[in-house]
Amino acid sequence: MNKNEFIREIAGKTGHTIKDTEAFYQAFVATVEGAMKKKQEIRLVGFGTFAVRKRAAKKGVNPATGKAIKIPAATVPALRFGKSFKEKI
């Protein structure tokens, strides 16, 4: 399912227009991005937790050359699904 299909599905289930649903989607994404930039968690009970995690530096191999490379540490977004959501799937 792509973004447009997702928005149409939500609009159909809620009875809202596609335009209103698109605005909600954009607001949702902006809110999640803003919170994660501030390193805040967003906990949606029954769905999951959006969080920022630190990934440690590590060694890797360049597949094209076979040479060892150093992969730097990074801050990455993460989504951990909740227990009840996992059980439904």
PDB file of N, CA and C in Angstrom:
ATOM      1  N   MET A   1       0.858  -1.173   0.000  1.00  0.00           N
ATOM      2  CA  MET A   1       0.000   0.000   0.000  1.00  0.00           C
ATOM      3  C   MET A   1       0.904   1.236   0.000  1.00  0.00           C
ATOM      4  N   ASN A   2       0.666   2.139  -0.923  1.00  0.00           N
ATOM      5  CA  ASN A   2       1.451   3.370  -0.945  1.00  0.00           C
ATOM      6  C   ASN A   2       0.703   4.485  -0.207  1.00  0.00           C
ATOM      7  N   LYS A   3       1.309   5.672  -0.171  1.00  0.00           N
ATOM      8  CA  LYS A   3       0.740   6.795   0.582  1.00  0.00           C
ATOM      9  C   LYS A   3      -0.664   7.159   0.105  1.00  0.00           C
ATOM     10  N   ASN A   4      -0.856   7.277  -1.207  1.00  0.00           N
ATOM     11  CA  ASN A   4      -2.173   7.660  -1.737  1.00  0.00           C
ATOM     12  C   ASN A   4      -3.240   6.618  -1.424  1.00  0.00           C
ATOM     13  N   GLU A   5      -2.888   5.353  -1.544  1.00  0.00           N
ATOM     14  CA  GLU A   5      -3.827   4.281  -1.205  1.00  0.00           C
ATOM     15  C   GLU A   5      -4.161   4.319   0.284  1.00  0.00           C
ATOM     16  N   PHE A   6      -3.159   4.560   1.102  1.00  0.00           N
ATOM     17  CA  PHE A   6      -3.350   4.661   2.550  1.00  0.00           C
ATOM     18  C   PHE A   6      -4.321   5.793   2.881  1.00  0.00           C
ATOM     19  N   ILE A   7      -4.107   6.956   2.282  1.00  0.00           N
ATOM     20  CA  ILE A   7      -4.975   8.117   2.539  1.00  0.00           C
ATOM     21  C   ILE A   7      -6.401   7.836   2.086  1.00  0.00           C
ATOM     22  N   ARG A   8      -6.559   7.218   0.915  1.00  0.00           N
ATOM     23  CA  ARG A   8      -7.913   6.875   0.434  1.00  0.00           C
ATOM     24  C   ARG A   8      -8.599   5.885   1.374  1.00  0.00           C
ATOM     25  N   GLU A   9      -7.848   4.919   1.874  1.00  0.00           N
ATOM     26  CA  GLU A   9      -8.400   3.922   2.803  1.00  0.00           C
ATOM     27  C   GLU A   9      -8.890   4.588   4.095  1.00  0.00           C
ATOM     28  N   ILE A  10      -8.080   5.471   4.658  1.00  0.00           N
ATOM     29  CA  ILE A  10      -8.458   6.184   5.881  1.00  0.00           C
ATOM     30  C   ILE A  10      -9.672   7.075   5.618  1.00  0.00           C
ATOM     31  N   ALA A  11      -9.658   7.791   4.504  1.00  0.00           N
ATOM     32  CA  ALA A  11     -10.783   8.668   4.165  1.00  0.00           C
ATOM     33  C   ALA A  11     -12.068   7.860   4.053  1.00  0.00           C
ATOM     34  N   GLY A  12     -11.994   6.701   3.430  1.00  0.00           N
ATOM     35  CA  GLY A  12     -13.169   5.845   3.290  1.00  0.00           C
ATOM     36  C   GLY A  12     -13.690   5.335   4.625  1.00  0.00           C
ATOM     37  N   LYS A  13     -12.797   5.005   5.531  1.00  0.00           N
ATOM     38  CA  LYS A  13     -13.205   4.466   6.832  1.00  0.00           C
ATOM     39  C   LYS A  13     -13.725   5.542   7.777  1.00  0.00           C
ATOM     40  N   THR A  14     -13.270   6.776   7.607  1.00  0.00           N
ATOM     41  CA  THR A  14     -13.687   7.834   8.525  1.00  0.00           C
ATOM     42  C   THR A  14     -14.794   8.716   7.970  1.00  0.00           C
ATOM     43  N   GLY A  15     -15.030   8.652   6.666  1.00  0.00           N
ATOM     44  CA  GLY A  15     -16.046   9.501   6.067  1.00  0.00           C
ATOM     45  C   GLY A  15     -15.572  10.919   5.797  1.00  0.00           C
ATOM     46  N   HIS A  16     -14.278  11.171   5.958  1.00  0.00           N
ATOM     47  CA  HIS A  16     -13.716  12.486   5.675  1.00  0.00           C
ATOM     48  C   HIS A  16     -13.278  12.557   4.215  1.00  0.00           C
ATOM     49  N   THR A  17     -13.058  13.761   3.740  1.00  0.00           N
ATOM     50  CA  THR A  17     -12.601  13.928   2.372  1.00  0.00           C
ATOM     51  C   THR A  17     -11.130  13.530   2.269  1.00  0.00           C
ATOM     52  N   ILE A  18     -10.709  13.244   1.055  1.00  0.00           N
ATOM     53  CA  ILE A  18      -9.306  12.913   0.820  1.00  0.00           C
ATOM     54  C   ILE A  18      -8.431  14.113   1.176  1.00  0.00           C
ATOM     55  N   LYS A  19      -8.912  15.307   0.877  1.00  0.00           N
ATOM     56  CA  LYS A  19      -8.155  16.527   1.183  1.00  0.00           C
ATOM     57  C   LYS A  19      -7.945  16.678   2.695  1.00  0.00           C
ATOM     58  N   ASP A  20      -9.002  16.462   3.472  1.00  0.00           N
ATOM     59  CA  ASP A  20      -8.888  16.560   4.933  1.00  0.00           C
ATOM     60  C   ASP A  20      -7.980  15.463   5.489  1.00  0.00           C
ATOM     61  N   THR A  21      -8.099  14.273   4.926  1.00  0.00           N
ATOM     62  CA  THR A  21      -7.273  13.156   5.378  1.00  0.00           C
ATOM     63  C   THR A  21      -5.812  13.403   5.044  1.00  0.00           C
ATOM     64  N   GLU A  22      -5.544  13.978   3.879  1.00  0.00           N
ATOM     65  CA  GLU A  22      -4.178  14.337   3.497  1.00  0.00           C
ATOM     66  C   GLU A  22      -3.600  15.361   4.483  1.00  0.00           C
ATOM     67  N   ALA A  23      -4.415  16.329   4.887  1.00  0.00           N
ATOM     68  CA  ALA A  23      -3.968  17.342   5.853  1.00  0.00           C
ATOM     69  C   ALA A  23      -3.652  16.687   7.195  1.00  0.00           C
ATOM     70  N   PHE A  24      -4.490  15.753   7.622  1.00  0.00           N
ATOM     71  CA  PHE A  24      -4.235  15.025   8.864  1.00  0.00           C
ATOM     72  C   PHE A  24      -2.928  14.246   8.763  1.00  0.00           C
ATOM     73  N   TYR A  25      -2.740  13.556   7.651  1.00  0.00           N
ATOM     74  CA  TYR A  25      -1.528  12.764   7.438  1.00  0.00           C
ATOM     75  C   TYR A  25      -0.283  13.655   7.521  1.00  0.00           C
ATOM     76  N   GLN A  26      -0.319  14.796   6.838  1.00  0.00           N
ATOM     77  CA  GLN A  26       0.815  15.718   6.850  1.00  0.00           C
ATOM     78  C   GLN A  26       1.092  16.229   8.271  1.00  0.00           C
ATOM     79  N   ALA A  27       0.031  16.530   9.018  1.00  0.00           N
ATOM     80  CA  ALA A  27       0.184  16.996  10.399  1.00  0.00           C
ATOM     81  C   ALA A  27       0.773  15.890  11.280  1.00  0.00           C
ATOM     82  N   PHE A  28       0.331  14.667  11.073  1.00  0.00           N
ATOM     83  CA  PHE A  28       0.836  13.529  11.840  1.00  0.00           C
ATOM     84  C   PHE A  28       2.330  13.349  11.600  1.00  0.00           C
ATOM     85  N   VAL A  29       2.729  13.346  10.341  1.00  0.00           N
ATOM     86  CA  VAL A  29       4.137  13.166   9.995  1.00  0.00           C
ATOM     87  C   VAL A  29       4.980  14.310  10.557  1.00  0.00           C
ATOM     88  N   ALA A  30       4.503  15.539  10.425  1.00  0.00           N
ATOM     89  CA  ALA A  30       5.243  16.702  10.945  1.00  0.00           C
ATOM     90  C   ALA A  30       5.388  16.626  12.458  1.00  0.00           C
ATOM     91  N   THR A  31       4.354  16.173  13.149  1.00  0.00           N
ATOM     92  CA  THR A  31       4.397  16.051  14.606  1.00  0.00           C
ATOM     93  C   THR A  31       5.398  14.992  15.038  1.00  0.00           C
ATOM     94  N   VAL A  32       5.400  13.850  14.356  1.00  0.00           N
ATOM     95  CA  VAL A  32       6.352  12.787  14.670  1.00  0.00           C
ATOM     96  C   VAL A  32       7.774  13.270  14.397  1.00  0.00           C
ATOM     97  N   GLU A  33       7.989  13.912  13.248  1.00  0.00           N
ATOM     98  CA  GLU A  33       9.320  14.428  12.919  1.00  0.00           C
ATOM     99  C   GLU A  33       9.800  15.434  13.967  1.00  0.00           C
ATOM    100  N   GLY A  34       8.922  16.355  14.352  1.00  0.00           N
ATOM    101  CA  GLY A  34       9.283  17.368  15.335  1.00  0.00           C
ATOM    102  C   GLY A  34       9.657  16.765  16.671  1.00  0.00           C
ATOM    103  N   ALA A  35       8.873  15.793  17.120  1.00  0.00           N
ATOM    104  CA  ALA A  35       9.157  15.152  18.406  1.00  0.00           C
ATOM    105  C   ALA A  35      10.470  14.379  18.348  1.00  0.00           C
ATOM    106  N   MET A  36      10.713  13.709  17.243  1.00  0.00           N
ATOM    107  CA  MET A  36      11.936  12.917  17.139  1.00  0.00           C
ATOM    108  C   MET A  36      13.169  13.807  17.020  1.00  0.00           C
ATOM    109  N   LYS A  37      13.032  14.965  16.392  1.00  0.00           N
ATOM    110  CA  LYS A  37      14.152  15.909  16.337  1.00  0.00           C
ATOM    111  C   LYS A  37      14.522  16.380  17.734  1.00  0.00           C
ATOM    112  N   LYS A  38      13.522  16.455  18.627  1.00  0.00           N
ATOM    113  CA  LYS A  38      13.741  16.850  20.015  1.00  0.00           C
ATOM    114  C   LYS A  38      14.111  15.649  20.890  1.00  0.00           C
ATOM    115  N   LYS A  39      14.257  14.482  20.253  1.00  0.00           N
ATOM    116  CA  LYS A  39      14.597  13.225  20.947  1.00  0.00           C
ATOM    117  C   LYS A  39      13.498  12.785  21.923  1.00  0.00           C
ATOM    118  N   GLN A  40      12.251  13.118  21.610  1.00  0.00           N
ATOM    119  CA  GLN A  40      11.119  12.705  22.433  1.00  0.00           C
ATOM    120  C   GLN A  40      10.514  11.423  21.875  1.00  0.00           C
ATOM    121  N   GLU A  41       9.946  10.624  22.752  1.00  0.00           N
ATOM    122  CA  GLU A  41       9.213   9.436  22.333  1.00  0.00           C
ATOM    123  C   GLU A  41       7.754   9.791  22.122  1.00  0.00           C
ATOM    124  N   ILE A  42       7.113   9.079  21.209  1.00  0.00           N
ATOM    125  CA  ILE A  42       5.671   9.190  21.036  1.00  0.00           C
ATOM    126  C   ILE A  42       5.108   7.795  21.262  1.00  0.00           C
ATOM    127  N   ARG A  43       4.296   7.647  22.306  1.00  0.00           N
ATOM    128  CA  ARG A  43       3.700   6.350  22.631  1.00  0.00           C
ATOM    129  C   ARG A  43       2.234   6.361  22.247  1.00  0.00           C
ATOM    130  N   LEU A  44       1.879   5.521  21.319  1.00  0.00           N
ATOM    131  CA  LEU A  44       0.489   5.374  20.897  1.00  0.00           C
ATOM    132  C   LEU A  44       0.021   4.007  21.397  1.00  0.00           C
ATOM    133  N   VAL A  45      -0.679   4.013  22.529  1.00  0.00           N
ATOM    134  CA  VAL A  45      -1.107   2.772  23.163  1.00  0.00           C
ATOM    135  C   VAL A  45      -1.957   1.973  22.181  1.00  0.00           C
ATOM    136  N   GLY A  46      -1.645   0.696  22.079  1.00  0.00           N
ATOM    137  CA  GLY A  46      -2.358  -0.178  21.157  1.00  0.00           C
ATOM    138  C   GLY A  46      -1.723  -0.217  19.774  1.00  0.00           C
ATOM    139  N   PHE A  47      -0.739   0.645  19.521  1.00  0.00           N
ATOM    140  CA  PHE A  47      -0.068   0.656  18.223  1.00  0.00           C
ATOM    141  C   PHE A  47       1.437   0.463  18.391  1.00  0.00           C
ATOM    142  N   GLY A  48       2.126   1.470  18.947  1.00  0.00           N
ATOM    143  CA  GLY A  48       3.568   1.353  19.098  1.00  0.00           C
ATOM    144  C   GLY A  48       4.196   2.621  19.629  1.00  0.00           C
ATOM    145  N   THR A  49       5.525   2.604  19.695  1.00  0.00           N
ATOM    146  CA  THR A  49       6.298   3.728  20.208  1.00  0.00           C
ATOM    147  C   THR A  49       7.315   4.172  19.175  1.00  0.00           C
ATOM    148  N   PHE A  50       7.244   5.449  18.816  1.00  0.00           N
ATOM    149  CA  PHE A  50       8.249   6.061  17.954  1.00  0.00           C
ATOM    150  C   PHE A  50       9.346   6.590  18.873  1.00  0.00           C
ATOM    151  N   ALA A  51      10.601   6.303  18.551  1.00  0.00           N
ATOM    152  CA  ALA A  51      11.707   6.746  19.396  1.00  0.00           C
ATOM    153  C   ALA A  51      12.943   7.002  18.543  1.00  0.00           C
ATOM    154  N   VAL A  52      13.911   7.671  19.147  1.00  0.00           N
ATOM    155  CA  VAL A  52      15.199   7.902  18.515  1.00  0.00           C
ATOM    156  C   VAL A  52      16.204   7.014  19.225  1.00  0.00           C
ATOM    157  N   ARG A  53      16.994   6.288  18.443  1.00  0.00           N
ATOM    158  CA  ARG A  53      17.987   5.399  19.020  1.00  0.00           C
ATOM    159  C   ARG A  53      19.369   5.757  18.485  1.00  0.00           C
ATOM    160  N   LYS A  54      20.361   5.492  19.304  1.00  0.00           N
ATOM    161  CA  LYS A  54      21.746   5.686  18.867  1.00  0.00           C
ATOM    162  C   LYS A  54      22.285   4.344  18.395  1.00  0.00           C
ATOM    163  N   ARG A  55      22.873   4.362  17.212  1.00  0.00           N
ATOM    164  CA  ARG A  55      23.491   3.159  16.663  1.00  0.00           C
ATOM    165  C   ARG A  55      25.001   3.329  16.786  1.00  0.00           C
ATOM    166  N   ALA A  56      25.651   2.380  17.394  1.00  0.00           N
ATOM    167  CA  ALA A  56      27.091   2.461  17.642  1.00  0.00           C
ATOM    168  C   ALA A  56      27.892   2.339  16.348  1.00  0.00           C
ATOM    169  N   ALA A  57      29.104   2.868  16.380  1.00  0.00           N
ATOM    170  CA  ALA A  57      30.011   2.715  15.241  1.00  0.00           C
ATOM    171  C   ALA A  57      30.380   1.234  15.121  1.00  0.00           C
ATOM    172  N   LYS A  58      30.642   0.809  13.894  1.00  0.00           N
ATOM    173  CA  LYS A  58      31.014  -0.589  13.691  1.00  0.00           C
ATOM    174  C   LYS A  58      31.883  -0.716  12.444  1.00  0.00           C
ATOM    175  N   LYS A  59      32.447  -1.878  12.279  1.00  0.00           N
ATOM    176  CA  LYS A  59      33.257  -2.160  11.104  1.00  0.00           C
ATOM    177  C   LYS A  59      32.397  -2.890  10.086  1.00  0.00           C
ATOM    178  N   GLY A  60      32.653  -2.604   8.822  1.00  0.00           N
ATOM    179  CA  GLY A  60      31.907  -3.252   7.757  1.00  0.00           C
ATOM    180  C   GLY A  60      32.840  -3.556   6.606  1.00  0.00           C
ATOM    181  N   VAL A  61      32.274  -4.082   5.522  1.00  0.00           N
ATOM    182  CA  VAL A  61      33.047  -4.418   4.340  1.00  0.00           C
ATOM    183  C   VAL A  61      32.367  -3.795   3.130  1.00  0.00           C
ATOM    184  N   ASN A  62      33.152  -3.097   2.315  1.00  0.00           N
ATOM    185  CA  ASN A  62      32.637  -2.541   1.070  1.00  0.00           C
ATOM    186  C   ASN A  62      32.433  -3.716   0.113  1.00  0.00           C
ATOM    187  N   PRO A  63      31.186  -4.000  -0.307  1.00  0.00           N
ATOM    188  CA  PRO A  63      30.946  -5.171  -1.146  1.00  0.00           C
ATOM    189  C   PRO A  63      31.586  -5.062  -2.536  1.00  0.00           C
ATOM    190  N   ALA A  64      31.814  -3.849  -3.018  1.00  0.00           N
ATOM    191  CA  ALA A  64      32.402  -3.675  -4.344  1.00  0.00           C
ATOM    192  C   ALA A  64      33.902  -3.958  -4.349  1.00  0.00           C
ATOM    193  N   THR A  65      34.582  -3.555  -3.271  1.00  0.00           N
ATOM    194  CA  THR A  65      36.041  -3.694  -3.240  1.00  0.00           C
ATOM    195  C   THR A  65      36.527  -4.761  -2.263  1.00  0.00           C
ATOM    196  N   GLY A  66      35.687  -5.135  -1.326  1.00  0.00           N
ATOM    197  CA  GLY A  66      36.080  -6.106  -0.305  1.00  0.00           C
ATOM    198  C   GLY A  66      36.924  -5.511   0.808  1.00  0.00           C
ATOM    199  N   LYS A  67      37.141  -4.192   0.755  1.00  0.00           N
ATOM    200  CA  LYS A  67      37.954  -3.531   1.774  1.00  0.00           C
ATOM    201  C   LYS A  67      37.140  -3.266   3.042  1.00  0.00           C
ATOM    202  N   ALA A  68      37.817  -3.338   4.172  1.00  0.00           N
ATOM    203  CA  ALA A  68      37.182  -3.040   5.458  1.00  0.00           C
ATOM    204  C   ALA A  68      36.942  -1.536   5.551  1.00  0.00           C
ATOM    205  N   ILE A  69      35.795  -1.165   6.065  1.00  0.00           N
ATOM    206  CA  ILE A  69      35.467   0.246   6.252  1.00  0.00           C
ATOM    207  C   ILE A  69      34.934   0.449   7.662  1.00  0.00           C
ATOM    208  N   LYS A  70      35.016   1.693   8.122  1.00  0.00           N
ATOM    209  CA  LYS A  70      34.474   2.036   9.427  1.00  0.00           C
ATOM    210  C   LYS A  70      33.134   2.728   9.201  1.00  0.00           C
ATOM    211  N   ILE A  71      32.082   2.196   9.809  1.00  0.00           N
ATOM    212  CA  ILE A  71      30.749   2.783   9.717  1.00  0.00           C
ATOM    213  C   ILE A  71      30.551   3.635  10.965  1.00  0.00           C
ATOM    214  N   PRO A  72      30.341   4.947  10.794  1.00  0.00           N
ATOM    215  CA  PRO A  72      30.256   5.826  11.966  1.00  0.00           C
ATOM    216  C   PRO A  72      28.970   5.616  12.777  1.00  0.00           C
ATOM    217  N   ALA A  73      29.006   6.051  14.011  1.00  0.00           N
ATOM    218  CA  ALA A  73      27.816   6.013  14.863  1.00  0.00           C
ATOM    219  C   ALA A  73      26.760   6.931  14.259  1.00  0.00           C
ATOM    220  N   ALA A  74      25.502   6.620  14.520  1.00  0.00           N
ATOM    221  CA  ALA A  74      24.422   7.420  13.957  1.00  0.00           C
ATOM    222  C   ALA A  74      23.224   7.435  14.897  1.00  0.00           C
ATOM    223  N   THR A  75      22.410   8.446  14.741  1.00  0.00           N
ATOM    224  CA  THR A  75      21.136   8.530  15.444  1.00  0.00           C
ATOM    225  C   THR A  75      20.066   8.174  14.426  1.00  0.00           C
ATOM    226  N   VAL A  76      19.231   7.180  14.748  1.00  0.00           N
ATOM    227  CA  VAL A  76      18.256   6.675  13.785  1.00  0.00           C
ATOM    228  C   VAL A  76      16.854   6.639  14.377  1.00  0.00           C
ATOM    229  N   PRO A  77      15.813   6.817  13.551  1.00  0.00           N
ATOM    230  CA  PRO A  77      14.445   6.691  14.042  1.00  0.00           C
ATOM    231  C   PRO A  77      14.081   5.210  14.190  1.00  0.00           C
ATOM    232  N   ALA A  78      13.200   4.928  15.135  1.00  0.00           N
ATOM    233  CA  ALA A  78      12.772   3.555  15.362  1.00  0.00           C
ATOM    234  C   ALA A  78      11.291   3.530  15.718  1.00  0.00           C
ATOM    235  N   LEU A  79      10.642   2.444  15.350  1.00  0.00           N
ATOM    236  CA  LEU A  79       9.244   2.207  15.719  1.00  0.00           C
ATOM    237  C   LEU A  79       9.163   0.810  16.309  1.00  0.00           C
ATOM    238  N   ARG A  80       8.767   0.734  17.559  1.00  0.00           N
ATOM    239  CA  ARG A  80       8.576  -0.550  18.223  1.00  0.00           C
ATOM    240  C   ARG A  80       7.075  -0.757  18.399  1.00  0.00           C
ATOM    241  N   PHE A  81       6.559  -1.795  17.784  1.00  0.00           N
ATOM    242  CA  PHE A  81       5.134  -2.061  17.868  1.00  0.00           C
ATOM    243  C   PHE A  81       4.770  -2.608  19.231  1.00  0.00           C
ATOM    244  N   GLY A  82       3.574  -2.262  19.689  1.00  0.00           N
ATOM    245  CA  GLY A  82       3.088  -2.718  20.976  1.00  0.00           C
ATOM    246  C   GLY A  82       2.629  -4.155  20.940  1.00  0.00           C
ATOM    247  N   LYS A  83       2.536  -4.746  22.116  1.00  0.00           N
ATOM    248  CA  LYS A  83       2.161  -6.150  22.265  1.00  0.00           C
ATOM    249  C   LYS A  83       0.792  -6.452  21.650  1.00  0.00           C
ATOM    250  N   SER A  84      -0.203  -5.610  21.945  1.00  0.00           N
ATOM    251  CA  SER A  84      -1.551  -5.875  21.439  1.00  0.00           C
ATOM    252  C   SER A  84      -1.612  -5.765  19.919  1.00  0.00           C
ATOM    253  N   PHE A  85      -0.831  -4.847  19.339  1.00  0.00           N
ATOM    254  CA  PHE A  85      -0.791  -4.720  17.881  1.00  0.00           C
ATOM    255  C   PHE A  85      -0.158  -5.966  17.263  1.00  0.00           C
ATOM    256  N   LYS A  86       0.939  -6.430  17.857  1.00  0.00           N
ATOM    257  CA  LYS A  86       1.619  -7.628  17.356  1.00  0.00           C
ATOM    258  C   LYS A  86       0.709  -8.838  17.422  1.00  0.00           C
ATOM    259  N   GLU A  87      -0.053  -8.944  18.489  1.00  0.00           N
ATOM    260  CA  GLU A  87      -0.938 -10.103  18.655  1.00  0.00           C
ATOM    261  C   GLU A  87      -2.038 -10.135  17.596  1.00  0.00           C
ATOM    262  N   LYS A  88      -2.466  -8.971  17.134  1.00  0.00           N
ATOM    263  CA  LYS A  88      -3.508  -8.902  16.098  1.00  0.00           C
ATOM    264  C   LYS A  88      -2.983  -9.346  14.738  1.00  0.00           C
ATOM    265  N   ILE A  89      -1.689  -9.174  14.538  1.00  0.00           N
ATOM    266  CA  ILE A  89      -1.077  -9.539  13.262  1.00  0.00           C
ATOM    267  C   ILE A  89      -0.714 -11.009  13.306  1.00  0.00           C
TER     268      ILE A  89
END
